[in-house]
């Protein structure tokens, strides 16, 4: 899909993803307009100033829980990127009903409004925590994935198509471990919950280019999973603060030792491409002819952060941290 001249809506658009997505799309794809849909007026003001009041940007105060506001915001939109979510694991555990209202009910609202407004494509941003979830955040994102995939059944022959992008931890995003370690380094003590812990890792820019590529690839119903490197948290801690005390605090509630991006069950109906996997839906609306190329995965295959073939080296981690620090 050529994004030139398209009208796009980004829910949760003032977050880390939304700002970088907007920057890249405005610079490289010349859309007609990007509508930023979020709750915070201050963040919208700051984002408008950041982009020098670019006339292609529109700012809508609203919440995905509010169907009526979504109807107004989505009128005349060609493409929706759904990035709005409550995503901090402890906050979701403490406020489970609020997490459900935003992450699940909000997703349902986006689906219904997109179909009614005849939006062409909707791409939802998901997380590795949706696979075999052990915390509420992951569970709500699992449900949201199911809703978006089955949204294609609700859309029928209307032309509206839904797909999902699922990837791992974003380097330097709000609440992530690198900003935490950099802050803790000042006190010369880093806290690590478990020395065995591994994580998938992707930069914000890589994630956004992958999302844009998936807009072109999607037929409706796929879950796209990028092939991304893993890292050990102990290695990251050693790179950030090599001569600093490391304290093992014990695994937190709702936390995994290793993350999963593709489970054994999903692998049975997935295909592998050079730089990504595609999980095909197992439902009547999907025709196998919709997806060209790729190879079937072997029985028992699973894509986890500890069995990955790609690992970040110390030098690569240093480069990432240097880029984050400007």
C-alpha atoms as a PDB file:
ATOM      1  CA  UNK A   1       0.000   0.000   0.000  1.00  0.00           C
ATOM      2  CA  UNK A   2       1.327   3.416  -0.971  1.00  0.00           C
ATOM      3  CA  UNK A   3       0.887   5.754   2.002  1.00  0.00           C
ATOM      4  CA  UNK A   4       1.238   8.892  -0.124  1.00  0.00           C
ATOM      5  CA  UNK A   5      -1.959  10.926   0.049  1.00  0.00           C
ATOM      6  CA  UNK A   6      -3.542   8.623   2.656  1.00  0.00           C
ATOM      7  CA  UNK A   7      -5.309   9.771   5.821  1.00  0.00           C
ATOM      8  CA  UNK A   8      -4.084   7.829   8.844  1.00  0.00           C
ATOM      9  CA  UNK A   9      -5.170   7.597  12.468  1.00  0.00           C
ATOM     10  CA  UNK A  10      -2.807   6.554  15.272  1.00  0.00           C
ATOM     11  CA  UNK A  11      -4.455   5.694  18.588  1.00  0.00           C
ATOM     12  CA  UNK A  12      -2.177   6.360  21.533  1.00  0.00           C
ATOM     13  CA  UNK A  13      -0.332   8.611  19.105  1.00  0.00           C
ATOM     14  CA  UNK A  14       1.544  10.739  21.662  1.00  0.00           C
ATOM     15  CA  UNK A  15       3.492   7.759  23.014  1.00  0.00           C
ATOM     16  CA  UNK A  16       7.013   6.731  22.018  1.00  0.00           C
ATOM     17  CA  UNK A  17       5.724   4.652  19.108  1.00  0.00           C
ATOM     18  CA  UNK A  18       3.299   7.294  17.853  1.00  0.00           C
ATOM     19  CA  UNK A  19       5.839  10.105  17.793  1.00  0.00           C
ATOM     20  CA  UNK A  20       8.500   8.122  15.956  1.00  0.00           C
ATOM     21  CA  UNK A  21       5.913   6.599  13.577  1.00  0.00           C
ATOM     22  CA  UNK A  22       4.661  10.093  12.749  1.00  0.00           C
ATOM     23  CA  UNK A  23       8.204  11.361  12.176  1.00  0.00           C
ATOM     24  CA  UNK A  24       9.088   8.539   9.779  1.00  0.00           C
ATOM     25  CA  UNK A  25       5.809   8.556   7.831  1.00  0.00           C
ATOM     26  CA  UNK A  26       5.819  12.347   7.388  1.00  0.00           C
ATOM     27  CA  UNK A  27       9.439  12.287   6.230  1.00  0.00           C
ATOM     28  CA  UNK A  28       9.355   9.228   3.973  1.00  0.00           C
ATOM     29  CA  UNK A  29       5.769   8.702   2.761  1.00  0.00           C
ATOM     30  CA  UNK A  30       4.007  12.086   2.438  1.00  0.00           C
ATOM     31  CA  UNK A  31       0.535  11.205   3.758  1.00  0.00           C
ATOM     32  CA  UNK A  32      -2.394  13.566   3.337  1.00  0.00           C
ATOM     33  CA  UNK A  33      -2.911  13.672   7.118  1.00  0.00           C
ATOM     34  CA  UNK A  34      -2.020  11.826  10.307  1.00  0.00           C
ATOM     35  CA  UNK A  35      -4.598  12.061  13.065  1.00  0.00           C
ATOM     36  CA  UNK A  36      -3.194  11.672  16.570  1.00  0.00           C
ATOM     37  CA  UNK A  37      -5.803  10.225  18.936  1.00  0.00           C
ATOM     38  CA  UNK A  38      -4.911  10.312  22.637  1.00  0.00           C
ATOM     39  CA  UNK A  39      -6.097  11.483  26.041  1.00  0.00           C
ATOM     40  CA  UNK A  40      -3.451  14.041  27.039  1.00  0.00           C
ATOM     41  CA  UNK A  41      -3.756  17.635  25.858  1.00  0.00           C
ATOM     42  CA  UNK A  42      -0.290  18.574  27.158  1.00  0.00           C
ATOM     43  CA  UNK A  43       1.372  15.714  25.291  1.00  0.00           C
ATOM     44  CA  UNK A  44      -0.510  16.701  22.146  1.00  0.00           C
ATOM     45  CA  UNK A  45       0.644  20.299  22.496  1.00  0.00           C
ATOM     46  CA  UNK A  46       4.245  19.165  22.965  1.00  0.00           C
ATOM     47  CA  UNK A  47       4.010  16.859  19.958  1.00  0.00           C
ATOM     48  CA  UNK A  48       2.563  19.644  17.798  1.00  0.00           C
ATOM     49  CA  UNK A  49       5.484  21.873  18.770  1.00  0.00           C
ATOM     50  CA  UNK A  50       7.950  19.043  18.147  1.00  0.00           C
ATOM     51  CA  UNK A  51       6.705  18.830  14.541  1.00  0.00           C
ATOM     52  CA  UNK A  52       6.628  22.619  14.086  1.00  0.00           C
ATOM     53  CA  UNK A  53       2.835  22.620  13.780  1.00  0.00           C
ATOM     54  CA  UNK A  54       2.969  20.561  10.571  1.00  0.00           C
ATOM     55  CA  UNK A  55      -0.393  21.118   8.834  1.00  0.00           C
ATOM     56  CA  UNK A  56      -0.643  17.418   7.971  1.00  0.00           C
ATOM     57  CA  UNK A  57      -1.042  16.611  11.676  1.00  0.00           C
ATOM     58  CA  UNK A  58      -4.447  16.624  13.372  1.00  0.00           C
ATOM     59  CA  UNK A  59      -4.895  16.174  17.110  1.00  0.00           C
ATOM     60  CA  UNK A  60      -7.976  14.524  18.590  1.00  0.00           C
ATOM     61  CA  UNK A  61      -8.470  14.450  22.360  1.00  0.00           C
ATOM     62  CA  UNK A  62     -10.197  11.160  23.062  1.00  0.00           C
ATOM     63  CA  UNK A  63     -10.127   7.722  24.641  1.00  0.00           C
ATOM     64  CA  UNK A  64     -10.557   4.411  22.839  1.00  0.00           C
ATOM     65  CA  UNK A  65     -13.207   3.603  25.437  1.00  0.00           C
ATOM     66  CA  UNK A  66     -15.355   6.361  23.889  1.00  0.00           C
ATOM     67  CA  UNK A  67     -17.025   4.970  20.748  1.00  0.00           C
ATOM     68  CA  UNK A  68     -18.660   8.256  19.783  1.00  0.00           C
ATOM     69  CA  UNK A  69     -15.348  10.098  19.791  1.00  0.00           C
ATOM     70  CA  UNK A  70     -13.764   7.328  17.729  1.00  0.00           C
ATOM     71  CA  UNK A  71     -16.529   7.677  15.138  1.00  0.00           C
ATOM     72  CA  UNK A  72     -15.691  11.347  14.658  1.00  0.00           C
ATOM     73  CA  UNK A  73     -11.928  10.744  14.617  1.00  0.00           C
ATOM     74  CA  UNK A  74     -12.138   7.861  12.128  1.00  0.00           C
ATOM     75  CA  UNK A  75     -14.409   9.571   9.600  1.00  0.00           C
ATOM     76  CA  UNK A  76     -12.633   9.577   6.228  1.00  0.00           C
ATOM     77  CA  UNK A  77      -9.619   7.588   7.489  1.00  0.00           C
ATOM     78  CA  UNK A  78      -7.856   5.090   5.192  1.00  0.00           C
ATOM     79  CA  UNK A  79      -5.503   3.382   7.674  1.00  0.00           C
ATOM     80  CA  UNK A  80      -5.578   2.948  11.459  1.00  0.00           C
ATOM     81  CA  UNK A  81      -2.586   1.985  13.592  1.00  0.00           C
ATOM     82  CA  UNK A  82      -3.886   0.945  16.999  1.00  0.00           C
ATOM     83  CA  UNK A  83      -1.166   1.551  19.588  1.00  0.00           C
ATOM     84  CA  UNK A  84      -3.262   2.775  22.543  1.00  0.00           C
ATOM     85  CA  UNK A  85      -2.997   0.535  25.617  1.00  0.00           C
ATOM     86  CA  UNK A  86      -2.376   0.426  29.316  1.00  0.00           C
ATOM     87  CA  UNK A  87       0.918  -1.467  29.262  1.00  0.00           C
ATOM     88  CA  UNK A  88       2.724  -1.144  32.597  1.00  0.00           C
ATOM     89  CA  UNK A  89       2.464  -4.622  34.140  1.00  0.00           C
ATOM     90  CA  UNK A  90       2.189  -3.528  37.821  1.00  0.00           C
ATOM     91  CA  UNK A  91      -0.371  -0.824  36.966  1.00  0.00           C
ATOM     92  CA  UNK A  92      -2.523  -3.336  35.081  1.00  0.00           C
ATOM     93  CA  UNK A  93      -2.352  -5.798  37.983  1.00  0.00           C
ATOM     94  CA  UNK A  94      -3.444  -3.101  40.445  1.00  0.00           C
ATOM     95  CA  UNK A  95      -6.124  -1.674  38.116  1.00  0.00           C
ATOM     96  CA  UNK A  96      -7.418  -4.768  36.300  1.00  0.00           C
ATOM     97  CA  UNK A  97     -10.836  -3.383  35.351  1.00  0.00           C
ATOM     98  CA  UNK A  98      -9.262  -0.244  33.890  1.00  0.00           C
ATOM     99  CA  UNK A  99      -6.783  -2.356  31.897  1.00  0.00           C
ATOM    100  CA  UNK A 100      -9.668  -4.452  30.572  1.00  0.00           C
ATOM    101  CA  UNK A 101     -11.703  -1.400  29.593  1.00  0.00           C
ATOM    102  CA  UNK A 102      -8.837   0.111  27.625  1.00  0.00           C
ATOM    103  CA  UNK A 103      -7.052  -2.906  26.175  1.00  0.00           C
ATOM    104  CA  UNK A 104     -10.082  -5.119  25.421  1.00  0.00           C
ATOM    105  CA  UNK A 105     -13.170  -2.906  25.246  1.00  0.00           C
ATOM    106  CA  UNK A 106     -11.127  -0.222  23.511  1.00  0.00           C
ATOM    107  CA  UNK A 107      -9.982  -2.738  20.904  1.00  0.00           C
ATOM    108  CA  UNK A 108     -13.590  -3.795  20.278  1.00  0.00           C
ATOM    109  CA  UNK A 109     -14.561  -0.141  19.796  1.00  0.00           C
ATOM    110  CA  UNK A 110     -11.773   0.407  17.262  1.00  0.00           C
ATOM    111  CA  UNK A 111     -12.934  -2.668  15.315  1.00  0.00           C
ATOM    112  CA  UNK A 112     -16.609  -1.680  15.219  1.00  0.00           C
ATOM    113  CA  UNK A 113     -15.946   1.942  14.311  1.00  0.00           C
ATOM    114  CA  UNK A 114     -13.411   1.017  11.619  1.00  0.00           C
ATOM    115  CA  UNK A 115     -15.905  -1.305   9.905  1.00  0.00           C
ATOM    116  CA  UNK A 116     -18.687   1.286  10.055  1.00  0.00           C
ATOM    117  CA  UNK A 117     -16.370   3.964   8.636  1.00  0.00           C
ATOM    118  CA  UNK A 118     -15.108   1.626   5.863  1.00  0.00           C
ATOM    119  CA  UNK A 119     -11.456   2.022   6.865  1.00  0.00           C
ATOM    120  CA  UNK A 120      -9.228   0.048   4.477  1.00  0.00           C
ATOM    121  CA  UNK A 121      -6.628  -1.369   6.848  1.00  0.00           C
ATOM    122  CA  UNK A 122      -6.211  -1.578  10.615  1.00  0.00           C
ATOM    123  CA  UNK A 123      -2.941  -2.777  12.112  1.00  0.00           C
ATOM    124  CA  UNK A 124      -2.855  -3.407  15.859  1.00  0.00           C
ATOM    125  CA  UNK A 125       0.391  -3.335  17.866  1.00  0.00           C
ATOM    126  CA  UNK A 126       0.804  -6.286  20.225  1.00  0.00           C
ATOM    127  CA  UNK A 127       3.516  -7.728  22.470  1.00  0.00           C
ATOM    128  CA  UNK A 128       5.385 -10.928  23.254  1.00  0.00           C
ATOM    129  CA  UNK A 129       3.571 -10.881  26.614  1.00  0.00           C
ATOM    130  CA  UNK A 130       0.396 -11.942  24.782  1.00  0.00           C
ATOM    131  CA  UNK A 131       1.917 -15.415  24.223  1.00  0.00           C
ATOM    132  CA  UNK A 132       1.239 -17.804  27.115  1.00  0.00           C
ATOM    133  CA  UNK A 133       0.379 -14.781  29.289  1.00  0.00           C
ATOM    134  CA  UNK A 134       1.069 -14.884  33.009  1.00  0.00           C
ATOM    135  CA  UNK A 135       0.050 -11.299  33.848  1.00  0.00           C
ATOM    136  CA  UNK A 136      -3.092  -9.298  33.193  1.00  0.00           C
ATOM    137  CA  UNK A 137      -1.442  -7.021  30.646  1.00  0.00           C
ATOM    138  CA  UNK A 138      -0.451 -10.022  28.536  1.00  0.00           C
ATOM    139  CA  UNK A 139      -3.903 -11.563  28.939  1.00  0.00           C
ATOM    140  CA  UNK A 140      -5.645  -8.398  27.735  1.00  0.00           C
ATOM    141  CA  UNK A 141      -3.329  -8.172  24.730  1.00  0.00           C
ATOM    142  CA  UNK A 142      -4.014 -11.831  23.905  1.00  0.00           C
ATOM    143  CA  UNK A 143      -7.747 -11.078  23.868  1.00  0.00           C
ATOM    144  CA  UNK A 144      -7.134  -7.943  21.793  1.00  0.00           C
ATOM    145  CA  UNK A 145      -5.183 -10.007  19.223  1.00  0.00           C
ATOM    146  CA  UNK A 146      -8.070 -12.469  18.968  1.00  0.00           C
ATOM    147  CA  UNK A 147     -10.555  -9.614  18.536  1.00  0.00           C
ATOM    148  CA  UNK A 148      -8.573  -8.003  15.725  1.00  0.00           C
ATOM    149  CA  UNK A 149      -8.051 -11.256  13.847  1.00  0.00           C
ATOM    150  CA  UNK A 150     -11.738 -12.143  14.115  1.00  0.00           C
ATOM    151  CA  UNK A 151     -12.613  -8.576  13.153  1.00  0.00           C
ATOM    152  CA  UNK A 152     -12.159  -9.820   9.592  1.00  0.00           C
ATOM    153  CA  UNK A 153     -15.193 -12.088  10.089  1.00  0.00           C
ATOM    154  CA  UNK A 154     -17.263  -9.113  11.236  1.00  0.00           C
ATOM    155  CA  UNK A 155     -16.049  -7.061   8.266  1.00  0.00           C
ATOM    156  CA  UNK A 156     -17.036  -9.764   5.783  1.00  0.00           C
ATOM    157  CA  UNK A 157     -16.845  -8.499   2.218  1.00  0.00           C
ATOM    158  CA  UNK A 158     -16.836  -4.828   3.228  1.00  0.00           C
ATOM    159  CA  UNK A 159     -13.157  -4.410   2.336  1.00  0.00           C
ATOM    160  CA  UNK A 160     -11.999  -3.497   5.839  1.00  0.00           C
ATOM    161  CA  UNK A 161      -9.060  -5.676   6.884  1.00  0.00           C
ATOM    162  CA  UNK A 162      -7.433  -6.255  10.274  1.00  0.00           C
ATOM    163  CA  UNK A 163      -3.971  -7.631  11.110  1.00  0.00           C
ATOM    164  CA  UNK A 164      -1.593  -7.592  14.093  1.00  0.00           C
ATOM    165  CA  UNK A 165       2.106  -6.895  14.581  1.00  0.00           C
ATOM    166  CA  UNK A 166       3.651  -8.613  17.614  1.00  0.00           C
ATOM    167  CA  UNK A 167       7.183  -7.815  18.769  1.00  0.00           C
ATOM    168  CA  UNK A 168       9.356  -7.678  21.879  1.00  0.00           C
ATOM    169  CA  UNK A 169      10.744  -5.019  24.181  1.00  0.00           C
ATOM    170  CA  UNK A 170      11.456  -1.663  22.579  1.00  0.00           C
ATOM    171  CA  UNK A 171      14.859  -0.201  23.384  1.00  0.00           C
ATOM    172  CA  UNK A 172      14.569   2.892  25.558  1.00  0.00           C
ATOM    173  CA  UNK A 173      10.764   3.061  25.632  1.00  0.00           C
ATOM    174  CA  UNK A 174       9.057   4.553  28.657  1.00  0.00           C
ATOM    175  CA  UNK A 175       9.316   2.235  31.655  1.00  0.00           C
ATOM    176  CA  UNK A 176      11.865  -0.076  30.014  1.00  0.00           C
ATOM    177  CA  UNK A 177      15.029  -1.423  31.582  1.00  0.00           C
ATOM    178  CA  UNK A 178      17.701   0.730  29.894  1.00  0.00           C
ATOM    179  CA  UNK A 179      16.444   4.050  31.338  1.00  0.00           C
ATOM    180  CA  UNK A 180      16.101   2.275  34.703  1.00  0.00           C
ATOM    181  CA  UNK A 181      19.674   0.956  34.620  1.00  0.00           C
ATOM    182  CA  UNK A 182      21.051   4.342  33.521  1.00  0.00           C
ATOM    183  CA  UNK A 183      19.335   5.986  36.475  1.00  0.00           C
ATOM    184  CA  UNK A 184      20.424   3.289  38.942  1.00  0.00           C
ATOM    185  CA  UNK A 185      24.013   3.623  37.711  1.00  0.00           C
ATOM    186  CA  UNK A 186      24.183   7.017  39.414  1.00  0.00           C
ATOM    187  CA  UNK A 187      23.840   5.242  42.782  1.00  0.00           C
ATOM    188  CA  UNK A 188      26.327   2.530  41.742  1.00  0.00           C
ATOM    189  CA  UNK A 189      23.888  -0.351  42.237  1.00  0.00           C
ATOM    190  CA  UNK A 190      21.760  -2.073  39.584  1.00  0.00           C
ATOM    191  CA  UNK A 191      18.840  -4.330  40.522  1.00  0.00           C
ATOM    192  CA  UNK A 192      18.221  -7.446  38.427  1.00  0.00           C
ATOM    193  CA  UNK A 193      15.354  -9.780  39.192  1.00  0.00           C
ATOM    194  CA  UNK A 194      16.980 -12.985  37.873  1.00  0.00           C
ATOM    195  CA  UNK A 195      20.450 -13.569  36.428  1.00  0.00           C
ATOM    196  CA  UNK A 196      19.082 -16.035  33.827  1.00  0.00           C
ATOM    197  CA  UNK A 197      16.683 -13.531  32.275  1.00  0.00           C
ATOM    198  CA  UNK A 198      16.670 -12.962  28.502  1.00  0.00           C
ATOM    199  CA  UNK A 199      14.607 -10.604  26.378  1.00  0.00           C
ATOM    200  CA  UNK A 200      13.859  -9.937  22.721  1.00  0.00           C
ATOM    201  CA  UNK A 201      15.032  -6.494  21.689  1.00  0.00           C
ATOM    202  CA  UNK A 202      14.037  -4.123  18.900  1.00  0.00           C
ATOM    203  CA  UNK A 203      14.731  -0.443  18.350  1.00  0.00           C
ATOM    204  CA  UNK A 204      11.804   1.902  17.923  1.00  0.00           C
ATOM    205  CA  UNK A 205      12.832   2.742  14.373  1.00  0.00           C
ATOM    206  CA  UNK A 206      13.124  -0.940  13.418  1.00  0.00           C
ATOM    207  CA  UNK A 207       9.684  -1.611  14.876  1.00  0.00           C
ATOM    208  CA  UNK A 208       8.099   1.231  12.916  1.00  0.00           C
ATOM    209  CA  UNK A 209       9.650   0.253   9.598  1.00  0.00           C
ATOM    210  CA  UNK A 210       8.419  -3.284  10.222  1.00  0.00           C
ATOM    211  CA  UNK A 211       4.895  -1.975  10.886  1.00  0.00           C
ATOM    212  CA  UNK A 212       4.964   0.026   7.643  1.00  0.00           C
ATOM    213  CA  UNK A 213       6.191  -3.034   5.717  1.00  0.00           C
ATOM    214  CA  UNK A 214       3.335  -5.073   7.212  1.00  0.00           C
ATOM    215  CA  UNK A 215       0.778  -2.530   5.995  1.00  0.00           C
ATOM    216  CA  UNK A 216       1.913  -3.425   2.477  1.00  0.00           C
ATOM    217  CA  UNK A 217       2.043  -7.177   3.136  1.00  0.00           C
ATOM    218  CA  UNK A 218      -1.211  -7.663   5.033  1.00  0.00           C
ATOM    219  CA  UNK A 219      -4.231  -9.352   3.486  1.00  0.00           C
ATOM    220  CA  UNK A 220      -6.202  -9.361   6.742  1.00  0.00           C
ATOM    221  CA  UNK A 221      -5.943 -11.933   9.528  1.00  0.00           C
ATOM    222  CA  UNK A 222      -2.179 -12.320   9.908  1.00  0.00           C
ATOM    223  CA  UNK A 223      -0.067 -11.840  13.008  1.00  0.00           C
ATOM    224  CA  UNK A 224       3.340 -10.598  11.889  1.00  0.00           C
ATOM    225  CA  UNK A 225       6.370 -11.409  14.051  1.00  0.00           C
ATOM    226  CA  UNK A 226       9.777  -9.907  13.185  1.00  0.00           C
ATOM    227  CA  UNK A 227      13.004 -11.843  13.591  1.00  0.00           C
ATOM    228  CA  UNK A 228      14.831  -9.776  16.196  1.00  0.00           C
ATOM    229  CA  UNK A 229      17.853 -10.372  18.435  1.00  0.00           C
ATOM    230  CA  UNK A 230      17.872 -11.458  22.050  1.00  0.00           C
ATOM    231  CA  UNK A 231      20.009 -10.206  24.888  1.00  0.00           C
ATOM    232  CA  UNK A 232      20.817 -11.322  28.415  1.00  0.00           C
ATOM    233  CA  UNK A 233      19.928  -8.788  31.085  1.00  0.00           C
ATOM    234  CA  UNK A 234      23.220  -9.507  32.882  1.00  0.00           C
ATOM    235  CA  UNK A 235      25.109  -8.613  29.682  1.00  0.00           C
ATOM    236  CA  UNK A 236      23.144  -5.380  29.398  1.00  0.00           C
ATOM    237  CA  UNK A 237      23.895  -4.519  33.023  1.00  0.00           C
ATOM    238  CA  UNK A 238      27.605  -5.186  32.491  1.00  0.00           C
ATOM    239  CA  UNK A 239      27.674  -2.921  29.425  1.00  0.00           C
ATOM    240  CA  UNK A 240      25.819  -0.061  31.130  1.00  0.00           C
ATOM    241  CA  UNK A 241      27.664  -0.244  34.445  1.00  0.00           C
ATOM    242  CA  UNK A 242      30.634  -2.631  34.296  1.00  0.00           C
ATOM    243  CA  UNK A 243      32.110  -1.709  37.674  1.00  0.00           C
ATOM    244  CA  UNK A 244      28.837  -1.356  39.558  1.00  0.00           C
ATOM    245  CA  UNK A 245      27.267  -3.665  42.124  1.00  0.00           C
ATOM    246  CA  UNK A 246      24.527  -5.958  40.756  1.00  0.00           C
ATOM    247  CA  UNK A 247      21.820  -6.983  43.214  1.00  0.00           C
ATOM    248  CA  UNK A 248      19.586  -9.980  42.421  1.00  0.00           C
ATOM    249  CA  UNK A 249      16.162  -9.126  43.838  1.00  0.00           C
ATOM    250  CA  UNK A 250      14.069 -12.121  42.751  1.00  0.00           C
ATOM    251  CA  UNK A 251      11.557 -12.445  39.953  1.00  0.00           C
ATOM    252  CA  UNK A 252       8.554 -10.139  40.219  1.00  0.00           C
ATOM    253  CA  UNK A 253       4.904 -11.188  39.985  1.00  0.00           C
ATOM    254  CA  UNK A 254       3.843 -11.579  36.361  1.00  0.00           C
ATOM    255  CA  UNK A 255       7.415 -11.727  35.041  1.00  0.00           C
ATOM    256  CA  UNK A 256       8.961 -14.459  32.876  1.00  0.00           C
ATOM    257  CA  UNK A 257      12.558 -15.692  32.759  1.00  0.00           C
ATOM    258  CA  UNK A 258      12.387 -15.834  28.959  1.00  0.00           C
ATOM    259  CA  UNK A 259       9.891 -14.334  26.507  1.00  0.00           C
ATOM    260  CA  UNK A 260       8.010 -16.075  23.682  1.00  0.00           C
ATOM    261  CA  UNK A 261       7.097 -14.498  20.364  1.00  0.00           C
ATOM    262  CA  UNK A 262       5.804 -17.626  18.627  1.00  0.00           C
ATOM    263  CA  UNK A 263       4.448 -20.659  20.484  1.00  0.00           C
ATOM    264  CA  UNK A 264       4.556 -24.327  19.408  1.00  0.00           C
ATOM    265  CA  UNK A 265       0.804 -24.288  18.825  1.00  0.00           C
ATOM    266  CA  UNK A 266       0.988 -21.187  16.616  1.00  0.00           C
ATOM    267  CA  UNK A 267       3.966 -22.561  14.700  1.00  0.00           C
ATOM    268  CA  UNK A 268       1.734 -25.276  13.212  1.00  0.00           C
ATOM    269  CA  UNK A 269      -0.089 -22.631  11.179  1.00  0.00           C
ATOM    270  CA  UNK A 270       2.787 -20.210  10.613  1.00  0.00           C
ATOM    271  CA  UNK A 271       5.223 -19.522   7.809  1.00  0.00           C
ATOM    272  CA  UNK A 272       8.807 -18.367   7.970  1.00  0.00           C
ATOM    273  CA  UNK A 273      10.198 -15.629   5.743  1.00  0.00           C
ATOM    274  CA  UNK A 274      13.672 -14.139   5.582  1.00  0.00           C
ATOM    275  CA  UNK A 275      13.148 -11.473   8.239  1.00  0.00           C
ATOM    276  CA  UNK A 276       9.813 -12.386   9.839  1.00  0.00           C
ATOM    277  CA  UNK A 277       7.206 -15.018  10.620  1.00  0.00           C
ATOM    278  CA  UNK A 278       3.517 -14.882   9.718  1.00  0.00           C
ATOM    279  CA  UNK A 279       0.940 -16.621  11.914  1.00  0.00           C
ATOM    280  CA  UNK A 280      -1.984 -17.512   9.663  1.00  0.00           C
ATOM    281  CA  UNK A 281      -5.507 -17.534  11.099  1.00  0.00           C
ATOM    282  CA  UNK A 282      -7.314 -20.853  11.457  1.00  0.00           C
ATOM    283  CA  UNK A 283     -10.740 -19.548  10.517  1.00  0.00           C
ATOM    284  CA  UNK A 284     -13.061 -19.794   7.501  1.00  0.00           C
ATOM    285  CA  UNK A 285     -12.430 -16.257   6.238  1.00  0.00           C
ATOM    286  CA  UNK A 286      -8.775 -17.082   5.514  1.00  0.00           C
ATOM    287  CA  UNK A 287      -7.760 -18.636   2.218  1.00  0.00           C
ATOM    288  CA  UNK A 288      -4.290 -20.163   2.028  1.00  0.00           C
ATOM    289  CA  UNK A 289      -3.813 -18.534  -1.363  1.00  0.00           C
ATOM    290  CA  UNK A 290      -3.763 -15.107   0.317  1.00  0.00           C
ATOM    291  CA  UNK A 291      -0.196 -15.587   1.524  1.00  0.00           C
ATOM    292  CA  UNK A 292       2.551 -16.097  -1.032  1.00  0.00           C
ATOM    293  CA  UNK A 293       5.900 -17.697  -0.249  1.00  0.00           C
ATOM    294  CA  UNK A 294       7.421 -18.618   3.048  1.00  0.00           C
ATOM    295  CA  UNK A 295       8.094 -22.070   4.416  1.00  0.00           C
ATOM    296  CA  UNK A 296       6.301 -24.186   6.973  1.00  0.00           C
ATOM    297  CA  UNK A 297       7.900 -24.531  10.379  1.00  0.00           C
ATOM    298  CA  UNK A 298       9.006 -27.898  11.823  1.00  0.00           C
ATOM    299  CA  UNK A 299       6.860 -29.620  14.433  1.00  0.00           C
ATOM    300  CA  UNK A 300       7.702 -28.403  17.924  1.00  0.00           C
ATOM    301  CA  UNK A 301       9.227 -25.123  16.749  1.00  0.00           C
ATOM    302  CA  UNK A 302       8.979 -22.208  19.156  1.00  0.00           C
ATOM    303  CA  UNK A 303      10.548 -18.771  18.921  1.00  0.00           C
ATOM    304  CA  UNK A 304      11.750 -17.733  22.362  1.00  0.00           C
ATOM    305  CA  UNK A 305      14.312 -15.254  23.639  1.00  0.00           C
ATOM    306  CA  UNK A 306      16.565 -18.034  24.974  1.00  0.00           C
ATOM    307  CA  UNK A 307      16.591 -20.273  21.870  1.00  0.00           C
ATOM    308  CA  UNK A 308      17.128 -17.415  19.421  1.00  0.00           C
ATOM    309  CA  UNK A 309      19.771 -17.644  16.696  1.00  0.00           C
ATOM    310  CA  UNK A 310      20.469 -13.874  16.942  1.00  0.00           C
ATOM    311  CA  UNK A 311      22.102 -12.324  20.007  1.00  0.00           C
ATOM    312  CA  UNK A 312      23.186  -8.747  20.612  1.00  0.00           C
ATOM    313  CA  UNK A 313      26.902  -8.413  21.282  1.00  0.00           C
ATOM    314  CA  UNK A 314      28.362  -6.111  23.906  1.00  0.00           C
ATOM    315  CA  UNK A 315      29.505  -3.765  21.153  1.00  0.00           C
ATOM    316  CA  UNK A 316      25.999  -3.609  19.662  1.00  0.00           C
ATOM    317  CA  UNK A 317      24.505  -2.887  23.078  1.00  0.00           C
ATOM    318  CA  UNK A 318      27.016  -0.083  23.581  1.00  0.00           C
ATOM    319  CA  UNK A 319      26.021   1.444  20.229  1.00  0.00           C
ATOM    320  CA  UNK A 320      22.318   1.273  21.162  1.00  0.00           C
ATOM    321  CA  UNK A 321      22.957   2.979  24.503  1.00  0.00           C
ATOM    322  CA  UNK A 322      25.108   5.633  22.848  1.00  0.00           C
ATOM    323  CA  UNK A 323      22.291   6.372  20.374  1.00  0.00           C
ATOM    324  CA  UNK A 324      19.782   6.653  23.212  1.00  0.00           C
ATOM    325  CA  UNK A 325      21.985   9.145  25.011  1.00  0.00           C
ATOM    326  CA  UNK A 326      22.192  11.233  21.868  1.00  0.00           C
END
